[in-house]
Protein backbone atom coordinates (compact mmCIF):
# COMPACT_ATOMS: atom_id res chain seq x y z
CA MET A 1 126.63 71.00 70.23
CA ARG A 2 128.62 73.99 71.39
CA ASP A 3 129.74 73.97 75.05
CA TYR A 4 127.94 77.16 75.93
CA GLN A 5 124.59 75.53 74.94
CA LYS A 6 125.07 72.92 77.69
CA CYS A 7 124.47 74.99 80.85
CA ASP A 8 123.68 72.00 83.05
CA TRP A 9 127.20 70.64 82.95
CA TYR A 10 128.12 73.04 85.72
CA ALA A 11 127.51 70.58 88.54
CA PHE A 12 130.98 70.86 90.06
CA SER A 13 131.30 71.03 93.81
CA SER A 14 134.39 71.79 95.91
CA GLN A 15 132.81 70.64 99.18
CA SER A 16 135.66 68.32 99.97
CA GLY A 17 138.37 70.86 98.99
CA ALA A 18 141.42 70.10 96.83
CA ASP A 19 145.14 69.80 97.25
CA TRP A 20 146.07 72.89 95.29
CA LEU A 21 149.46 74.54 95.69
CA ILE A 22 148.70 78.00 97.06
CA MET A 23 150.85 80.54 95.41
CA SER A 24 151.54 83.86 97.05
CA ASN A 25 151.55 85.47 93.58
CA PRO A 26 149.06 83.61 91.40
CA THR A 27 148.83 84.41 87.70
CA ILE A 28 145.22 85.59 87.95
CA SER A 29 143.14 87.31 90.64
CA VAL A 30 139.46 86.72 89.86
CA LEU A 31 137.24 89.43 91.33
CA MET A 32 133.49 89.00 92.05
CA GLY A 33 131.12 91.25 93.98
CA VAL A 34 127.79 89.74 94.77
CA TYR A 35 124.55 91.12 96.22
CA ASN A 36 121.56 88.80 96.67
CA GLY A 37 122.86 86.47 94.01
CA GLU A 38 121.54 83.19 95.31
CA LYS A 39 119.80 82.12 92.07
CA TYR A 40 122.88 81.84 89.81
CA LEU A 41 125.81 82.20 92.20
CA ALA A 42 126.72 78.52 92.37
CA GLN A 43 126.79 78.25 88.54
CA ALA A 44 129.09 81.23 88.34
CA ILE A 45 131.47 79.98 90.98
CA ASN A 46 131.51 76.45 89.57
CA SER A 47 132.37 77.79 86.11
CA ILE A 48 135.52 79.39 87.52
CA PHE A 49 136.59 76.20 89.26
CA MET A 50 136.07 74.34 85.98
CA GLN A 51 138.68 76.48 84.23
CA THR A 52 141.45 74.59 82.38
CA PHE A 53 143.89 77.22 83.64
CA THR A 54 144.07 76.72 87.43
CA ASP A 55 146.69 79.17 88.74
CA PHE A 56 144.37 81.77 90.20
CA GLU A 57 142.99 83.19 93.43
CA PHE A 58 139.24 83.85 93.57
CA ILE A 59 138.19 86.86 95.65
CA ILE A 60 134.48 87.10 96.36
CA ILE A 61 132.99 89.95 98.40
CA ASP A 62 129.43 89.55 99.67
CA ASP A 63 128.12 93.11 99.52
CA GLY A 64 125.55 92.90 102.33
CA SER A 65 123.31 90.20 100.79
CA THR A 66 120.07 89.36 102.60
CA ASP A 67 119.24 86.09 100.73
CA ARG A 68 121.07 82.73 100.78
CA THR A 69 124.27 84.11 99.23
CA SER A 70 126.29 83.71 102.50
CA GLU A 71 125.09 80.13 102.91
CA ILE A 72 126.06 79.21 99.30
CA LEU A 73 129.49 80.79 99.73
CA SER A 74 130.16 78.90 102.93
CA SER A 75 129.61 75.58 101.12
CA TYR A 76 132.84 76.06 99.15
CA HIS A 77 136.24 75.03 100.59
CA ASP A 78 138.65 75.36 97.72
CA PRO A 79 141.84 76.99 99.13
CA ARG A 80 142.01 79.37 96.19
CA LEU A 81 138.75 80.98 97.30
CA LYS A 82 138.83 84.03 99.54
CA ILE A 83 135.44 85.14 100.81
CA PHE A 84 134.71 88.43 102.54
CA HIS A 85 131.46 89.86 103.91
CA GLN A 86 130.63 93.58 104.30
CA ASP A 87 127.76 96.01 104.68
CA ASN A 88 126.39 97.12 101.32
CA MET A 89 128.72 99.52 99.55
CA GLY A 90 127.76 99.13 95.92
CA LEU A 91 129.66 97.38 93.11
CA THR A 92 132.22 100.13 92.37
CA LYS A 93 133.62 100.36 95.87
CA THR A 94 133.42 96.60 96.29
CA LEU A 95 135.53 96.03 93.23
CA ASN A 96 138.12 98.52 94.42
CA LYS A 97 138.23 96.78 97.75
CA ALA A 98 138.85 93.44 95.99
CA LEU A 99 141.52 95.03 93.85
CA GLY A 100 143.35 96.02 97.03
CA MET A 101 143.44 92.38 98.05
CA ALA A 102 144.58 91.02 94.67
CA HIS A 103 148.05 89.52 94.15
CA GLY A 104 147.75 88.27 90.60
CA LYS A 105 149.62 89.47 87.53
CA TYR A 106 146.29 89.68 85.71
CA ILE A 107 142.86 90.73 87.02
CA ALA A 108 139.83 88.82 85.74
CA ARG A 109 136.28 90.06 86.31
CA MET A 110 133.37 87.74 86.94
CA ASP A 111 129.76 88.54 87.71
CA ALA A 112 127.72 86.41 90.12
CA ASP A 113 125.11 85.49 87.48
CA ASP A 114 127.36 84.73 84.52
CA ILE A 115 129.12 81.57 83.35
CA ALA A 116 132.72 81.45 82.11
CA MET A 117 133.53 78.86 79.50
CA PRO A 118 136.23 76.40 80.61
CA GLU A 119 138.96 77.72 78.33
CA ARG A 120 138.36 81.39 79.07
CA PHE A 121 141.40 81.94 81.35
CA GLU A 122 143.66 79.72 79.32
CA LYS A 123 143.01 81.66 76.10
CA GLN A 124 143.18 85.11 77.76
CA VAL A 125 146.46 84.36 79.57
CA ALA A 126 148.05 83.00 76.39
CA PHE A 127 147.02 86.12 74.48
CA LEU A 128 148.27 88.57 77.11
CA ASP A 129 151.54 86.69 77.59
CA ASN A 130 152.20 86.93 73.86
CA ARG A 131 150.93 90.52 73.42
CA PRO A 132 152.54 92.67 76.10
CA GLU A 133 151.30 95.85 74.41
CA VAL A 134 147.70 94.85 75.16
CA GLY A 135 146.54 95.68 78.64
CA VAL A 136 142.79 95.16 78.51
CA LEU A 137 141.33 92.01 76.93
CA GLY A 138 137.70 91.07 76.59
CA THR A 139 135.98 88.19 74.88
CA ASN A 140 132.90 87.59 72.85
CA GLY A 141 129.91 86.14 74.69
CA VAL A 142 126.35 84.89 74.62
CA PHE A 143 123.69 87.24 75.98
CA ARG A 144 120.88 85.14 77.49
CA ASP A 145 117.41 86.20 78.67
CA GLU A 146 116.51 83.48 81.13
CA ILE A 147 112.82 84.37 81.02
CA GLU A 148 112.33 84.09 77.27
CA LYS A 149 115.32 81.84 76.56
CA ILE A 150 116.62 84.24 73.93
CA GLU A 151 120.26 84.14 72.94
CA THR A 152 121.98 86.78 70.82
CA TYR A 153 125.52 86.78 69.58
CA PRO A 154 127.09 90.19 69.72
CA ILE A 155 129.80 91.05 67.22
CA LEU A 156 132.49 92.77 69.27
CA LEU A 157 135.19 94.91 67.78
CA GLN A 158 138.57 93.23 68.07
CA THR A 159 141.37 95.68 67.31
CA ASP A 160 142.69 98.51 69.47
CA LEU A 161 141.85 101.20 66.91
CA GLU A 162 138.33 99.91 66.30
CA ILE A 163 137.59 99.63 70.01
CA LYS A 164 138.98 103.10 70.88
CA GLN A 165 137.26 104.79 67.98
CA ASN A 166 133.95 103.32 68.98
CA LEU A 167 134.44 103.77 72.73
CA ILE A 168 133.17 107.31 72.20
CA LYS A 169 129.78 105.79 71.28
CA GLY A 170 129.57 103.51 74.28
CA ASN A 171 131.01 100.48 76.01
CA ARG A 172 132.79 98.02 73.69
CA PHE A 173 133.54 95.31 76.26
CA ILE A 174 131.53 92.76 78.21
CA HIS A 175 132.70 93.69 81.72
CA SER A 176 132.58 90.20 83.19
CA SER A 177 134.71 88.89 80.28
CA ILE A 178 137.57 91.23 80.98
CA MET A 179 141.11 90.30 81.90
CA LEU A 180 143.58 93.17 82.43
CA ARG A 181 147.08 93.73 83.70
CA LYS A 182 147.22 94.63 87.42
CA SER A 183 150.26 96.82 86.72
CA LEU A 184 147.96 99.23 84.84
CA LEU A 185 145.65 99.53 87.81
CA ASP A 186 148.54 99.92 90.19
CA LYS A 187 149.80 102.84 88.11
CA TYR A 188 146.64 104.64 87.01
CA GLY A 189 144.14 103.61 89.70
CA GLY A 190 141.07 101.41 89.77
CA TYR A 191 137.38 102.17 89.31
CA ASP A 192 136.17 105.73 89.64
CA GLU A 193 133.94 105.76 92.73
CA ARG A 194 131.98 108.73 91.40
CA PHE A 195 130.14 106.25 89.17
CA THR A 196 127.78 103.73 90.70
CA GLN A 197 126.96 102.48 87.20
CA ALA A 198 129.05 102.22 84.02
CA GLN A 199 132.13 102.14 86.22
CA ASP A 200 133.82 99.85 83.72
CA TYR A 201 133.19 102.30 80.85
CA ALA A 202 134.83 105.06 82.89
CA LEU A 203 137.85 102.77 83.55
CA TRP A 204 138.31 101.99 79.85
CA ILE A 205 138.33 105.76 79.09
CA LYS A 206 140.90 106.32 81.81
CA LEU A 207 143.17 103.51 80.56
CA ALA A 208 142.76 104.17 76.79
CA PRO A 209 145.74 106.57 76.47
CA HIS A 210 148.09 104.20 78.28
CA THR A 211 147.56 100.78 76.74
CA GLN A 212 146.07 98.83 73.86
CA PHE A 213 142.67 97.13 73.88
CA ALA A 214 141.54 93.90 72.31
CA ASN A 215 138.59 91.49 72.24
CA LEU A 216 138.92 87.73 71.57
CA PRO A 217 136.41 86.57 68.95
CA ASP A 218 135.83 83.35 70.91
CA VAL A 219 132.54 82.96 72.83
CA LEU A 220 133.97 82.51 76.34
CA LEU A 221 131.12 83.87 78.51
CA ILE A 222 127.41 83.39 79.04
CA HIS A 223 126.16 86.78 80.20
CA ARG A 224 122.69 86.92 81.71
CA GLU A 225 120.44 89.75 80.61
CA HIS A 226 117.65 90.20 83.20
CA ARG A 227 114.46 91.82 81.95
CA GLN A 228 114.52 94.45 84.70
CA THR A 229 118.14 95.39 83.82
CA VAL A 230 117.40 95.60 80.13
CA SER A 231 114.33 97.75 80.76
CA MET A 232 116.31 100.14 83.02
CA ARG A 233 119.13 100.38 80.49
CA GLN A 234 116.67 101.22 77.68
CA ARG A 235 115.22 104.05 79.83
CA THR A 236 118.33 105.53 81.40
CA GLY A 237 121.35 103.94 79.71
CA TRP A 238 122.07 106.85 77.38
CA LYS A 239 121.95 109.26 80.32
CA ILE A 240 124.40 107.19 82.32
CA PHE A 241 126.91 106.97 79.42
CA ARG A 242 126.50 110.63 78.68
CA SER A 243 127.28 111.51 82.29
CA VAL A 244 130.42 109.35 82.21
CA ARG A 245 131.57 110.87 79.00
CA LEU A 246 130.96 114.43 80.26
CA ARG A 247 132.85 113.85 83.50
CA MET A 248 135.65 112.08 81.70
CA TRP A 249 135.99 114.74 78.99
CA GLY A 250 139.64 115.39 79.75
CA ARG A 251 140.38 111.70 79.26
CA TYR A 252 138.88 111.87 75.75
CA LEU A 253 141.27 114.64 74.88
CA ALA A 254 144.19 112.46 75.98
CA PHE A 255 143.58 110.15 73.01
CA ARG A 256 142.16 112.75 70.63
CA ASN A 257 144.85 111.98 68.04
CA LEU A 258 142.90 108.98 66.81
CA ASP A 259 141.66 109.25 63.24
CA TYR A 260 137.95 109.57 63.81
CA PRO A 261 135.46 109.60 60.88
CA TRP A 262 133.79 112.99 60.54
CA HIS A 263 130.40 111.85 61.82
CA TYR A 264 131.96 110.88 65.15
CA ALA A 265 131.94 114.56 66.01
CA VAL A 266 128.32 114.05 66.98
CA TYR A 267 129.35 111.60 69.72
CA ILE A 268 132.27 113.77 70.88
CA LEU A 269 129.99 116.81 71.34
CA GLN A 270 126.89 114.95 72.40
CA PRO A 271 127.47 115.12 76.19
CA ILE A 272 127.89 118.90 76.11
CA TRP A 273 124.98 119.39 73.74
CA PHE A 274 122.59 117.35 75.87
CA THR A 275 123.68 119.30 78.96
CA VAL A 276 122.79 122.56 77.18
CA ILE A 277 119.46 121.04 75.98
CA GLU A 278 118.37 120.10 79.50
CA THR A 279 118.91 123.63 80.79
CA ASN A 280 116.95 125.19 77.85
CA PRO A 281 113.51 123.63 77.40
CA LYS A 282 112.81 125.63 74.18
CA THR A 283 115.59 123.88 72.25
CA ARG A 284 115.34 120.52 73.91
CA LYS A 285 112.88 118.76 71.57
CA VAL A 286 114.45 120.00 68.34
CA LEU A 287 118.06 119.24 69.20
CA LYS A 288 117.31 115.88 70.73
CA THR A 289 115.50 114.84 67.53
CA PHE A 290 118.43 116.05 65.47
CA LEU A 291 121.00 114.12 67.48
CA VAL A 292 119.01 110.92 67.43
CA LEU A 293 118.62 111.11 63.65
CA THR A 294 122.28 111.94 63.05
CA THR A 295 123.53 109.05 65.19
CA LYS A 296 121.01 106.46 63.85
CA GLY A 297 122.79 103.85 61.77
CA PHE A 298 126.32 104.62 62.91
């Protein structure tokens, strides 16, 4: 049986603390923003403390939760854990605040309802240590619908060229699987606070001209897909990504020298076309149908 099929083994507790050597500059800074995450928060935190690679600090910001999140956080006493509470600011600003507190060489993202496999950090650090040209590293993962118990196994693109070519279509990383070099964020900035959603997608576009991307093929994350989230993404997801692409148009031009297949022109021009469509009702139906048909199957 594969490890990620045994969710119940996350019963770890750090109630009594541990004699960890606290480093002023840990290898990894793990960032988590949580808002009303009581249902799965303990599993997410425990999965980080079960990592085989232990040289990390774990920064958690409670973004104004009104449920038992604060109570759950207060039950942990591991010295690597740094907990902060604030009024609700939203995920983008919360992550930037956490970045400002981070001291690690690498930044690892973790969501409050996901589960990291025990070897996630070990494998990501080994890869980044051996591949200095790669600045952003994701992993494969399991997408789980807790209501219907459905698991799907996405096939993520692995090479820098594949990821960047297809970034123009949409996000090619699982955000909570990401580990990236803090030096990149120090130089080029963190999350764009204009975006309350798809902030990770905007960050990849910003960083694309300056570093290489990669995804590990290993399944190193269980990512929860909530029905409400899936439904919202189906209704509005394309609009969100279109908005990001339109606002980040100049960033696209910065890595325009990639050898795109001809049909990718549809994705490059799509944000502008849809903006024109929405201001001209007479052409909206025809052009939307055309774009949907031309992108289907790619």
